[in-house]
Amino acid sequence: MERASYAYGGDHSHALRDAALLDPAKDPARIRAMYVDPDFARQGPGRAILTRCEAAARAAGFASVEMMATLAGEPLYRACGYTPIESIRSAPVDGVHVPLIRMGKPL
């Protein structure tokens, strides 16, 4: 769970983001950069990580949570109650755009 106001990207992209803290009274919490080793896919660790992130967001006073999902992660997030908000493409890296889905869930 992130309290900064960006939805995705690793620490290497910090110059492109607004690092202002989120306000739990009006902003959704943000989950970002969640990955599971493919050898452990569909065995529970993704759902366990997501559950812990949601619990941390609730404990911090957030009423909802959002993330930027890859197409590979979308089925898990839908199964966990997330709904699509919008589809976007990432900024290009070596000329390649990654399709992403902004998804959210009330807590």
PDB file of N, CA and C in Angstrom:
ATOM      1  N   MET A   1       0.854  -1.169   0.000  1.00  0.00           N
ATOM      2  CA  MET A   1       0.000   0.000   0.000  1.00  0.00           C
ATOM      3  C   MET A   1       0.895   1.225   0.000  1.00  0.00           C
ATOM      4  N   GLU A   2       0.618   2.136  -0.888  1.00  0.00           N
ATOM      5  CA  GLU A   2       1.392   3.362  -1.034  1.00  0.00           C
ATOM      6  C   GLU A   2       0.604   4.545  -0.505  1.00  0.00           C
ATOM      7  N   ARG A   3       1.300   5.472   0.101  1.00  0.00           N
ATOM      8  CA  ARG A   3       0.656   6.722   0.495  1.00  0.00           C
ATOM      9  C   ARG A   3       1.044   7.854  -0.444  1.00  0.00           C
ATOM     10  N   ALA A   4       1.948   7.601  -1.360  1.00  0.00           N
ATOM     11  CA  ALA A   4       2.306   8.635  -2.335  1.00  0.00           C
ATOM     12  C   ALA A   4       1.266   8.638  -3.448  1.00  0.00           C
ATOM     13  N   SER A   5       1.205   9.731  -4.197  1.00  0.00           N
ATOM     14  CA  SER A   5       0.092   9.916  -5.127  1.00  0.00           C
ATOM     15  C   SER A   5       0.367   9.429  -6.546  1.00  0.00           C
ATOM     16  N   TYR A   6       1.122   8.374  -6.708  1.00  0.00           N
ATOM     17  CA  TYR A   6       1.311   7.799  -8.027  1.00  0.00           C
ATOM     18  C   TYR A   6       0.768   6.381  -8.021  1.00  0.00           C
ATOM     19  N   ALA A   7       0.340   5.911  -9.168  1.00  0.00           N
ATOM     20  CA  ALA A   7      -0.359   4.635  -9.228  1.00  0.00           C
ATOM     21  C   ALA A   7       0.511   3.479  -9.649  1.00  0.00           C
ATOM     22  N   TYR A   8       1.607   3.739 -10.351  1.00  0.00           N
ATOM     23  CA  TYR A   8       2.443   2.623 -10.772  1.00  0.00           C
ATOM     24  C   TYR A   8       3.845   3.119 -11.059  1.00  0.00           C
ATOM     25  N   GLY A   9       4.749   2.180 -11.252  1.00  0.00           N
ATOM     26  CA  GLY A   9       6.138   2.503 -11.556  1.00  0.00           C
ATOM     27  C   GLY A   9       7.027   2.160 -10.388  1.00  0.00           C
ATOM     28  N   GLY A  10       8.216   1.695 -10.705  1.00  0.00           N
ATOM     29  CA  GLY A  10       9.183   1.364  -9.676  1.00  0.00           C
ATOM     30  C   GLY A  10       9.915   2.601  -9.198  1.00  0.00           C
ATOM     31  N   ASP A  11      10.814   2.413  -8.267  1.00  0.00           N
ATOM     32  CA  ASP A  11      11.551   3.539  -7.708  1.00  0.00           C
ATOM     33  C   ASP A  11      12.398   4.260  -8.749  1.00  0.00           C
ATOM     34  N   HIS A  12      12.754   3.579  -9.841  1.00  0.00           N
ATOM     35  CA  HIS A  12      13.555   4.201 -10.889  1.00  0.00           C
ATOM     36  C   HIS A  12      12.811   5.329 -11.606  1.00  0.00           C
ATOM     37  N   SER A  13      11.492   5.348 -11.511  1.00  0.00           N
ATOM     38  CA  SER A  13      10.711   6.376 -12.213  1.00  0.00           C
ATOM     39  C   SER A  13      10.246   7.492 -11.287  1.00  0.00           C
ATOM     40  N   HIS A  14      10.893   7.656 -10.143  1.00  0.00           N
ATOM     41  CA  HIS A  14      10.432   8.636  -9.151  1.00  0.00           C
ATOM     42  C   HIS A  14      10.424  10.062  -9.669  1.00  0.00           C
ATOM     43  N   ALA A  15      11.271  10.397 -10.613  1.00  0.00           N
ATOM     44  CA  ALA A  15      11.302  11.773 -11.122  1.00  0.00           C
ATOM     45  C   ALA A  15      10.039  12.128 -11.896  1.00  0.00           C
ATOM     46  N   LEU A  16       9.287  11.127 -12.335  1.00  0.00           N
ATOM     47  CA  LEU A  16       8.078  11.358 -13.116  1.00  0.00           C
ATOM     48  C   LEU A  16       6.829  11.441 -12.253  1.00  0.00           C
ATOM     49  N   ARG A  17       6.961  11.267 -10.940  1.00  0.00           N
ATOM     50  CA  ARG A  17       5.790  11.158 -10.080  1.00  0.00           C
ATOM     51  C   ARG A  17       5.689  12.319  -9.110  1.00  0.00           C
ATOM     52  N   ASP A  18       4.471  12.539  -8.634  1.00  0.00           N
ATOM     53  CA  ASP A  18       4.211  13.489  -7.564  1.00  0.00           C
ATOM     54  C   ASP A  18       4.313  12.692  -6.266  1.00  0.00           C
ATOM     55  N   ALA A  19       5.260  13.027  -5.413  1.00  0.00           N
ATOM     56  CA  ALA A  19       5.499  12.273  -4.185  1.00  0.00           C
ATOM     57  C   ALA A  19       4.659  12.769  -3.004  1.00  0.00           C
ATOM     58  N   ALA A  20       3.673  13.625  -3.259  1.00  0.00           N
ATOM     59  CA  ALA A  20       2.819  14.114  -2.177  1.00  0.00           C
ATOM     60  C   ALA A  20       2.066  12.949  -1.544  1.00  0.00           C
ATOM     61  N   LEU A  21       1.888  13.012  -0.234  1.00  0.00           N
ATOM     62  CA  LEU A  21       1.154  11.954   0.457  1.00  0.00           C
ATOM     63  C   LEU A  21      -0.329  12.017   0.122  1.00  0.00           C
ATOM     64  N   LEU A  22      -0.941  10.859   0.114  1.00  0.00           N
ATOM     65  CA  LEU A  22      -2.387  10.766  -0.121  1.00  0.00           C
ATOM     66  C   LEU A  22      -3.135  11.125   1.150  1.00  0.00           C
ATOM     67  N   ASP A  23      -4.342  11.619   1.002  1.00  0.00           N
ATOM     68  CA  ASP A  23      -5.214  11.946   2.124  1.00  0.00           C
ATOM     69  C   ASP A  23      -6.259  10.842   2.238  1.00  0.00           C
ATOM     70  N   PRO A  24      -6.198  10.008   3.294  1.00  0.00           N
ATOM     71  CA  PRO A  24      -7.158   8.908   3.431  1.00  0.00           C
ATOM     72  C   PRO A  24      -8.616   9.359   3.443  1.00  0.00           C
ATOM     73  N   ALA A  25      -8.866  10.610   3.788  1.00  0.00           N
ATOM     74  CA  ALA A  25     -10.242  11.110   3.825  1.00  0.00           C
ATOM     75  C   ALA A  25     -10.821  11.333   2.428  1.00  0.00           C
ATOM     76  N   LYS A  26      -9.959  11.496   1.420  1.00  0.00           N
ATOM     77  CA  LYS A  26     -10.487  11.772   0.085  1.00  0.00           C
ATOM     78  C   LYS A  26      -9.836  10.968  -1.038  1.00  0.00           C
ATOM     79  N   ASP A  27      -8.649  10.412  -0.810  1.00  0.00           N
ATOM     80  CA  ASP A  27      -7.934   9.673  -1.854  1.00  0.00           C
ATOM     81  C   ASP A  27      -8.031   8.167  -1.630  1.00  0.00           C
ATOM     82  N   PRO A  28      -7.986   7.382  -2.707  1.00  0.00           N
ATOM     83  CA  PRO A  28      -7.859   5.933  -2.527  1.00  0.00           C
ATOM     84  C   PRO A  28      -6.408   5.587  -2.225  1.00  0.00           C
ATOM     85  N   ALA A  29      -6.200   4.539  -1.454  1.00  0.00           N
ATOM     86  CA  ALA A  29      -4.848   4.008  -1.269  1.00  0.00           C
ATOM     87  C   ALA A  29      -4.405   3.436  -2.602  1.00  0.00           C
ATOM     88  N   ARG A  30      -3.110   3.292  -2.798  1.00  0.00           N
ATOM     89  CA  ARG A  30      -2.593   2.767  -4.053  1.00  0.00           C
ATOM     90  C   ARG A  30      -1.723   1.550  -3.786  1.00  0.00           C
ATOM     91  N   ILE A  31      -2.005   0.493  -4.495  1.00  0.00           N
ATOM     92  CA  ILE A  31      -1.156  -0.697  -4.468  1.00  0.00           C
ATOM     93  C   ILE A  31      -0.356  -0.663  -5.756  1.00  0.00           C
ATOM     94  N   ARG A  32       0.955  -0.811  -5.657  1.00  0.00           N
ATOM     95  CA  ARG A  32       1.758  -0.788  -6.871  1.00  0.00           C
ATOM     96  C   ARG A  32       2.895  -1.798  -6.805  1.00  0.00           C
ATOM     97  N   ALA A  33       3.320  -2.210  -7.990  1.00  0.00           N
ATOM     98  CA  ALA A  33       4.475  -3.098  -8.140  1.00  0.00           C
ATOM     99  C   ALA A  33       4.317  -4.411  -7.382  1.00  0.00           C
ATOM    100  N   MET A  34       3.179  -5.051  -7.533  1.00  0.00           N
ATOM    101  CA  MET A  34       2.944  -6.356  -6.914  1.00  0.00           C
ATOM    102  C   MET A  34       3.170  -7.445  -7.957  1.00  0.00           C
ATOM    103  N   TYR A  35       4.101  -8.339  -7.706  1.00  0.00           N
ATOM    104  CA  TYR A  35       4.410  -9.415  -8.639  1.00  0.00           C
ATOM    105  C   TYR A  35       4.547 -10.724  -7.890  1.00  0.00           C
ATOM    106  N   VAL A  36       4.202 -11.815  -8.565  1.00  0.00           N
ATOM    107  CA  VAL A  36       4.368 -13.162  -8.013  1.00  0.00           C
ATOM    108  C   VAL A  36       5.179 -13.971  -9.018  1.00  0.00           C
ATOM    109  N   ASP A  37       6.141 -14.722  -8.530  1.00  0.00           N
ATOM    110  CA  ASP A  37       6.923 -15.613  -9.382  1.00  0.00           C
ATOM    111  C   ASP A  37       5.964 -16.537 -10.130  1.00  0.00           C
ATOM    112  N   PRO A  38       6.104 -16.662 -11.449  1.00  0.00           N
ATOM    113  CA  PRO A  38       5.194 -17.520 -12.217  1.00  0.00           C
ATOM    114  C   PRO A  38       5.114 -18.961 -11.703  1.00  0.00           C
ATOM    115  N   ASP A  39       6.162 -19.453 -11.063  1.00  0.00           N
ATOM    116  CA  ASP A  39       6.133 -20.812 -10.504  1.00  0.00           C
ATOM    117  C   ASP A  39       5.127 -20.943  -9.365  1.00  0.00           C
ATOM    118  N   PHE A  40       4.697 -19.802  -8.800  1.00  0.00           N
ATOM    119  CA  PHE A  40       3.764 -19.823  -7.678  1.00  0.00           C
ATOM    120  C   PHE A  40       2.398 -19.229  -8.034  1.00  0.00           C
ATOM    121  N   ALA A  41       2.196 -18.936  -9.319  1.00  0.00           N
ATOM    122  CA  ALA A  41       0.917 -18.373  -9.760  1.00  0.00           C
ATOM    123  C   ALA A  41      -0.216 -19.344  -9.463  1.00  0.00           C
ATOM    124  N   ARG A  42      -1.367 -18.778  -9.111  1.00  0.00           N
ATOM    125  CA  ARG A  42      -2.592 -19.541  -8.822  1.00  0.00           C
ATOM    126  C   ARG A  42      -2.438 -20.492  -7.620  1.00  0.00           C
ATOM    127  N   GLN A  43      -1.517 -20.137  -6.706  1.00  0.00           N
ATOM    128  CA  GLN A  43      -1.324 -20.935  -5.502  1.00  0.00           C
ATOM    129  C   GLN A  43      -1.571 -20.128  -4.230  1.00  0.00           C
ATOM    130  N   GLY A  44      -2.002 -18.890  -4.362  1.00  0.00           N
ATOM    131  CA  GLY A  44      -2.389 -18.115  -3.190  1.00  0.00           C
ATOM    132  C   GLY A  44      -1.515 -16.953  -2.774  1.00  0.00           C
ATOM    133  N   PRO A  45      -0.246 -16.871  -3.173  1.00  0.00           N
ATOM    134  CA  PRO A  45       0.542 -15.745  -2.649  1.00  0.00           C
ATOM    135  C   PRO A  45       0.068 -14.385  -3.144  1.00  0.00           C
ATOM    136  N   GLY A  46      -0.421 -14.292  -4.373  1.00  0.00           N
ATOM    137  CA  GLY A  46      -0.923 -13.013  -4.880  1.00  0.00           C
ATOM    138  C   GLY A  46      -2.112 -12.530  -4.078  1.00  0.00           C
ATOM    139  N   ARG A  47      -3.043 -13.411  -3.822  1.00  0.00           N
ATOM    140  CA  ARG A  47      -4.225 -13.059  -3.022  1.00  0.00           C
ATOM    141  C   ARG A  47      -3.814 -12.696  -1.595  1.00  0.00           C
ATOM    142  N   ALA A  48      -2.837 -13.400  -1.039  1.00  0.00           N
ATOM    143  CA  ALA A  48      -2.370 -13.105   0.324  1.00  0.00           C
ATOM    144  C   ALA A  48      -1.722 -11.720   0.392  1.00  0.00           C
ATOM    145  N   ILE A  49      -0.907 -11.388  -0.606  1.00  0.00           N
ATOM    146  CA  ILE A  49      -0.278 -10.063  -0.651  1.00  0.00           C
ATOM    147  C   ILE A  49      -1.348  -8.980  -0.758  1.00  0.00           C
ATOM    148  N   LEU A  50      -2.305  -9.201  -1.636  1.00  0.00           N
ATOM    149  CA  LEU A  50      -3.379  -8.235  -1.840  1.00  0.00           C
ATOM    150  C   LEU A  50      -4.190  -8.047  -0.562  1.00  0.00           C
ATOM    151  N   THR A  51      -4.506  -9.120   0.118  1.00  0.00           N
ATOM    152  CA  THR A  51      -5.260  -9.051   1.375  1.00  0.00           C
ATOM    153  C   THR A  51      -4.513  -8.229   2.421  1.00  0.00           C
ATOM    154  N   ARG A  52      -3.205  -8.415   2.516  1.00  0.00           N
ATOM    155  CA  ARG A  52      -2.402  -7.660   3.486  1.00  0.00           C
ATOM    156  C   ARG A  52      -2.344  -6.175   3.117  1.00  0.00           C
ATOM    157  N   CYS A  53      -2.221  -5.897   1.815  1.00  0.00           N
ATOM    158  CA  CYS A  53      -2.215  -4.494   1.372  1.00  0.00           C
ATOM    159  C   CYS A  53      -3.540  -3.814   1.722  1.00  0.00           C
ATOM    160  N   GLU A  54      -4.646  -4.507   1.480  1.00  0.00           N
ATOM    161  CA  GLU A  54      -5.966  -3.947   1.787  1.00  0.00           C
ATOM    162  C   GLU A  54      -6.120  -3.716   3.286  1.00  0.00           C
ATOM    163  N   ALA A  55      -5.643  -4.651   4.092  1.00  0.00           N
ATOM    164  CA  ALA A  55      -5.729  -4.495   5.555  1.00  0.00           C
ATOM    165  C   ALA A  55      -4.906  -3.285   6.008  1.00  0.00           C
ATOM    166  N   ALA A  56      -3.726  -3.099   5.430  1.00  0.00           N
ATOM    167  CA  ALA A  56      -2.886  -1.952   5.785  1.00  0.00           C
ATOM    168  C   ALA A  56      -3.567  -0.647   5.372  1.00  0.00           C
ATOM    169  N   ALA A  57      -4.211  -0.648   4.204  1.00  0.00           N
ATOM    170  CA  ALA A  57      -4.922   0.556   3.750  1.00  0.00           C
ATOM    171  C   ALA A  57      -6.077   0.884   4.696  1.00  0.00           C
ATOM    172  N   ARG A  58      -6.847  -0.132   5.079  1.00  0.00           N
ATOM    173  CA  ARG A  58      -7.954   0.084   6.036  1.00  0.00           C
ATOM    174  C   ARG A  58      -7.421   0.642   7.350  1.00  0.00           C
ATOM    175  N   ALA A  59      -6.337   0.044   7.852  1.00  0.00           N
ATOM    176  CA  ALA A  59      -5.756   0.478   9.129  1.00  0.00           C
ATOM    177  C   ALA A  59      -5.265   1.924   9.055  1.00  0.00           C
ATOM    178  N   ALA A  60      -4.864   2.370   7.861  1.00  0.00           N
ATOM    179  CA  ALA A  60      -4.397   3.743   7.684  1.00  0.00           C
ATOM    180  C   ALA A  60      -5.552   4.715   7.446  1.00  0.00           C
ATOM    181  N   GLY A  61      -6.794   4.199   7.419  1.00  0.00           N
ATOM    182  CA  GLY A  61      -7.962   5.062   7.296  1.00  0.00           C
ATOM    183  C   GLY A  61      -8.513   5.239   5.897  1.00  0.00           C
ATOM    184  N   PHE A  62      -8.002   4.482   4.925  1.00  0.00           N
ATOM    185  CA  PHE A  62      -8.503   4.607   3.557  1.00  0.00           C
ATOM    186  C   PHE A  62      -9.816   3.853   3.399  1.00  0.00           C
ATOM    187  N   ALA A  63     -10.709   4.402   2.583  1.00  0.00           N
ATOM    188  CA  ALA A  63     -12.008   3.774   2.332  1.00  0.00           C
ATOM    189  C   ALA A  63     -12.029   3.004   1.017  1.00  0.00           C
ATOM    190  N   SER A  64     -11.010   3.203   0.195  1.00  0.00           N
ATOM    191  CA  SER A  64     -10.933   2.496  -1.084  1.00  0.00           C
ATOM    192  C   SER A  64      -9.467   2.340  -1.476  1.00  0.00           C
ATOM    193  N   VAL A  65      -9.265   1.492  -2.485  1.00  0.00           N
ATOM    194  CA  VAL A  65      -7.908   1.223  -2.963  1.00  0.00           C
ATOM    195  C   VAL A  65      -7.937   1.130  -4.488  1.00  0.00           C
ATOM    196  N   GLU A  66      -6.841   1.558  -5.113  1.00  0.00           N
ATOM    197  CA  GLU A  66      -6.707   1.472  -6.567  1.00  0.00           C
ATOM    198  C   GLU A  66      -5.344   0.904  -6.917  1.00  0.00           C
ATOM    199  N   MET A  67      -5.250   0.423  -8.158  1.00  0.00           N
ATOM    200  CA  MET A  67      -3.991  -0.078  -8.682  1.00  0.00           C
ATOM    201  C   MET A  67      -4.011   0.050 -10.186  1.00  0.00           C
ATOM    202  N   MET A  68      -2.841  -0.077 -10.780  1.00  0.00           N
ATOM    203  CA  MET A  68      -2.718  -0.142 -12.222  1.00  0.00           C
ATOM    204  C   MET A  68      -2.357  -1.597 -12.521  1.00  0.00           C
ATOM    205  N   ALA A  69      -3.280  -2.323 -13.127  1.00  0.00           N
ATOM    206  CA  ALA A  69      -3.106  -3.758 -13.362  1.00  0.00           C
ATOM    207  C   ALA A  69      -2.592  -4.031 -14.762  1.00  0.00           C
ATOM    208  N   THR A  70      -1.749  -5.039 -14.866  1.00  0.00           N
ATOM    209  CA  THR A  70      -1.382  -5.556 -16.178  1.00  0.00           C
ATOM    210  C   THR A  70      -2.484  -6.511 -16.616  1.00  0.00           C
ATOM    211  N   LEU A  71      -2.496  -6.855 -17.883  1.00  0.00           N
ATOM    212  CA  LEU A  71      -3.508  -7.793 -18.364  1.00  0.00           C
ATOM    213  C   LEU A  71      -3.363  -9.151 -17.696  1.00  0.00           C
ATOM    214  N   ALA A  72      -2.133  -9.542 -17.360  1.00  0.00           N
ATOM    215  CA  ALA A  72      -1.920 -10.825 -16.690  1.00  0.00           C
ATOM    216  C   ALA A  72      -2.503 -10.833 -15.280  1.00  0.00           C
ATOM    217  N   GLY A  73      -2.479  -9.687 -14.589  1.00  0.00           N
ATOM    218  CA  GLY A  73      -2.992  -9.615 -13.231  1.00  0.00           C
ATOM    219  C   GLY A  73      -4.480  -9.369 -13.120  1.00  0.00           C
ATOM    220  N   GLU A  74      -5.090  -8.902 -14.195  1.00  0.00           N
ATOM    221  CA  GLU A  74      -6.506  -8.533 -14.153  1.00  0.00           C
ATOM    222  C   GLU A  74      -7.424  -9.641 -13.627  1.00  0.00           C
ATOM    223  N   PRO A  75      -7.278 -10.906 -14.031  1.00  0.00           N
ATOM    224  CA  PRO A  75      -8.186 -11.939 -13.514  1.00  0.00           C
ATOM    225  C   PRO A  75      -8.133 -12.077 -11.985  1.00  0.00           C
ATOM    226  N   LEU A  76      -6.942 -12.004 -11.410  1.00  0.00           N
ATOM    227  CA  LEU A  76      -6.825 -12.087  -9.949  1.00  0.00           C
ATOM    228  C   LEU A  76      -7.549 -10.912  -9.301  1.00  0.00           C
ATOM    229  N   TYR A  77      -7.312  -9.722  -9.796  1.00  0.00           N
ATOM    230  CA  TYR A  77      -7.910  -8.540  -9.177  1.00  0.00           C
ATOM    231  C   TYR A  77      -9.431  -8.553  -9.303  1.00  0.00           C
ATOM    232  N   ARG A  78      -9.940  -8.985 -10.443  1.00  0.00           N
ATOM    233  CA  ARG A  78     -11.405  -9.117 -10.592  1.00  0.00           C
ATOM    234  C   ARG A  78     -11.955 -10.126  -9.593  1.00  0.00           C
ATOM    235  N   ALA A  79     -11.246 -11.251  -9.439  1.00  0.00           N
ATOM    236  CA  ALA A  79     -11.686 -12.291  -8.494  1.00  0.00           C
ATOM    237  C   ALA A  79     -11.674 -11.779  -7.056  1.00  0.00           C
ATOM    238  N   CYS A  80     -10.849 -10.770  -6.787  1.00  0.00           N
ATOM    239  CA  CYS A  80     -10.750 -10.185  -5.441  1.00  0.00           C
ATOM    240  C   CYS A  80     -11.641  -8.957  -5.273  1.00  0.00           C
ATOM    241  N   GLY A  81     -12.524  -8.702  -6.245  1.00  0.00           N
ATOM    242  CA  GLY A  81     -13.506  -7.634  -6.096  1.00  0.00           C
ATOM    243  C   GLY A  81     -13.158  -6.308  -6.734  1.00  0.00           C
ATOM    244  N   TYR A  82     -12.056  -6.230  -7.469  1.00  0.00           N
ATOM    245  CA  TYR A  82     -11.680  -4.990  -8.136  1.00  0.00           C
ATOM    246  C   TYR A  82     -12.455  -4.857  -9.438  1.00  0.00           C
ATOM    247  N   THR A  83     -12.785  -3.621  -9.793  1.00  0.00           N
ATOM    248  CA  THR A  83     -13.472  -3.360 -11.054  1.00  0.00           C
ATOM    249  C   THR A  83     -12.652  -2.359 -11.870  1.00  0.00           C
ATOM    250  N   PRO A  84     -12.726  -2.465 -13.191  1.00  0.00           N
ATOM    251  CA  PRO A  84     -11.976  -1.539 -14.045  1.00  0.00           C
ATOM    252  C   PRO A  84     -12.505  -0.111 -13.925  1.00  0.00           C
ATOM    253  N   ILE A  85     -11.597   0.839 -13.939  1.00  0.00           N
ATOM    254  CA  ILE A  85     -11.934   2.257 -13.937  1.00  0.00           C
ATOM    255  C   ILE A  85     -11.609   2.854 -15.304  1.00  0.00           C
ATOM    256  N   GLU A  86     -10.439   2.520 -15.830  1.00  0.00           N
ATOM    257  CA  GLU A  86     -10.061   2.991 -17.159  1.00  0.00           C
ATOM    258  C   GLU A  86      -8.904   2.146 -17.690  1.00  0.00           C
ATOM    259  N   SER A  87      -8.798   2.088 -19.015  1.00  0.00           N
ATOM    260  CA  SER A  87      -7.682   1.418 -19.674  1.00  0.00           C
ATOM    261  C   SER A  87      -6.732   2.471 -20.208  1.00  0.00           C
ATOM    262  N   ILE A  88      -5.434   2.223 -20.038  1.00  0.00           N
ATOM    263  CA  ILE A  88      -4.423   3.153 -20.538  1.00  0.00           C
ATOM    264  C   ILE A  88      -3.259   2.353 -21.123  1.00  0.00           C
ATOM    265  N   ARG A  89      -2.318   3.074 -21.714  1.00  0.00           N
ATOM    266  CA  ARG A  89      -1.051   2.485 -22.130  1.00  0.00           C
ATOM    267  C   ARG A  89       0.046   3.175 -21.348  1.00  0.00           C
ATOM    268  N   SER A  90       1.040   2.416 -20.949  1.00  0.00           N
ATOM    269  CA  SER A  90       2.164   3.009 -20.232  1.00  0.00           C
ATOM    270  C   SER A  90       2.948   3.932 -21.150  1.00  0.00           C
ATOM    271  N   ALA A  91       3.775   4.749 -20.550  1.00  0.00           N
ATOM    272  CA  ALA A  91       4.735   5.513 -21.338  1.00  0.00           C
ATOM    273  C   ALA A  91       5.646   4.499 -22.029  1.00  0.00           C
ATOM    274  N   PRO A  92       6.141   4.811 -23.206  1.00  0.00           N
ATOM    275  CA  PRO A  92       6.961   3.829 -23.917  1.00  0.00           C
ATOM    276  C   PRO A  92       8.309   3.591 -23.244  1.00  0.00           C
ATOM    277  N   VAL A  93       8.708   2.339 -23.207  1.00  0.00           N
ATOM    278  CA  VAL A  93      10.041   1.941 -22.774  1.00  0.00           C
ATOM    279  C   VAL A  93      10.640   1.204 -23.963  1.00  0.00           C
ATOM    280  N   ASP A  94      11.715   1.728 -24.495  1.00  0.00           N
ATOM    281  CA  ASP A  94      12.313   1.175 -25.717  1.00  0.00           C
ATOM    282  C   ASP A  94      11.273   1.055 -26.829  1.00  0.00           C
ATOM    283  N   GLY A  95      10.366   2.025 -26.895  1.00  0.00           N
ATOM    284  CA  GLY A  95       9.360   2.062 -27.944  1.00  0.00           C
ATOM    285  C   GLY A  95       8.157   1.170 -27.721  1.00  0.00           C
ATOM    286  N   VAL A  96       8.088   0.499 -26.594  1.00  0.00           N
ATOM    287  CA  VAL A  96       6.984  -0.430 -26.325  1.00  0.00           C
ATOM    288  C   VAL A  96       6.064   0.157 -25.254  1.00  0.00           C
ATOM    289  N   HIS A  97       4.765   0.191 -25.561  1.00  0.00           N
ATOM    290  CA  HIS A  97       3.745   0.603 -24.595  1.00  0.00           C
ATOM    291  C   HIS A  97       3.136  -0.663 -23.988  1.00  0.00           C
ATOM    292  N   VAL A  98       2.903  -0.665 -22.687  1.00  0.00           N
ATOM    293  CA  VAL A  98       2.257  -1.791 -22.008  1.00  0.00           C
ATOM    294  C   VAL A  98       0.806  -1.406 -21.725  1.00  0.00           C
ATOM    295  N   PRO A  99      -0.168  -2.248 -22.149  1.00  0.00           N
ATOM    296  CA  PRO A  99      -1.558  -1.951 -21.813  1.00  0.00           C
ATOM    297  C   PRO A  99      -1.791  -2.158 -20.314  1.00  0.00           C
ATOM    298  N   LEU A 100      -2.452  -1.219 -19.677  1.00  0.00           N
ATOM    299  CA  LEU A 100      -2.728  -1.265 -18.243  1.00  0.00           C
ATOM    300  C   LEU A 100      -4.201  -0.962 -17.995  1.00  0.00           C
ATOM    301  N   ILE A 101      -4.700  -1.457 -16.885  1.00  0.00           N
ATOM    302  CA  ILE A 101      -6.079  -1.197 -16.485  1.00  0.00           C
ATOM    303  C   ILE A 101      -6.057  -0.626 -15.072  1.00  0.00           C
ATOM    304  N   ARG A 102      -6.526   0.579 -14.917  1.00  0.00           N
ATOM    305  CA  ARG A 102      -6.686   1.153 -13.575  1.00  0.00           C
ATOM    306  C   ARG A 102      -7.911   0.482 -12.970  1.00  0.00           C
ATOM    307  N   MET A 103      -7.723  -0.124 -11.804  1.00  0.00           N
ATOM    308  CA  MET A 103      -8.804  -0.860 -11.142  1.00  0.00           C
ATOM    309  C   MET A 103      -8.960  -0.355  -9.716  1.00  0.00           C
ATOM    310  N   GLY A 104     -10.162  -0.477  -9.171  1.00  0.00           N
ATOM    311  CA  GLY A 104     -10.407  -0.007  -7.819  1.00  0.00           C
ATOM    312  C   GLY A 104     -11.377  -0.896  -7.072  1.00  0.00           C
ATOM    313  N   LYS A 105     -11.394  -0.675  -5.766  1.00  0.00           N
ATOM    314  CA  LYS A 105     -12.253  -1.461  -4.891  1.00  0.00           C
ATOM    315  C   LYS A 105     -12.535  -0.658  -3.629  1.00  0.00           C
ATOM    316  N   PRO A 106     -13.811  -0.638  -3.201  1.00  0.00           N
ATOM    317  CA  PRO A 106     -14.091  -0.032  -1.887  1.00  0.00           C
ATOM    318  C   PRO A 106     -13.624  -0.973  -0.792  1.00  0.00           C
ATOM    319  N   LEU A 107     -13.178  -0.397   0.308  1.00  0.00           N
ATOM    320  CA  LEU A 107     -12.758  -1.200   1.446  1.00  0.00           C
ATOM    321  C   LEU A 107     -13.867  -1.196   2.469  1.00  0.00           C
TER     322      LEU A 107
END
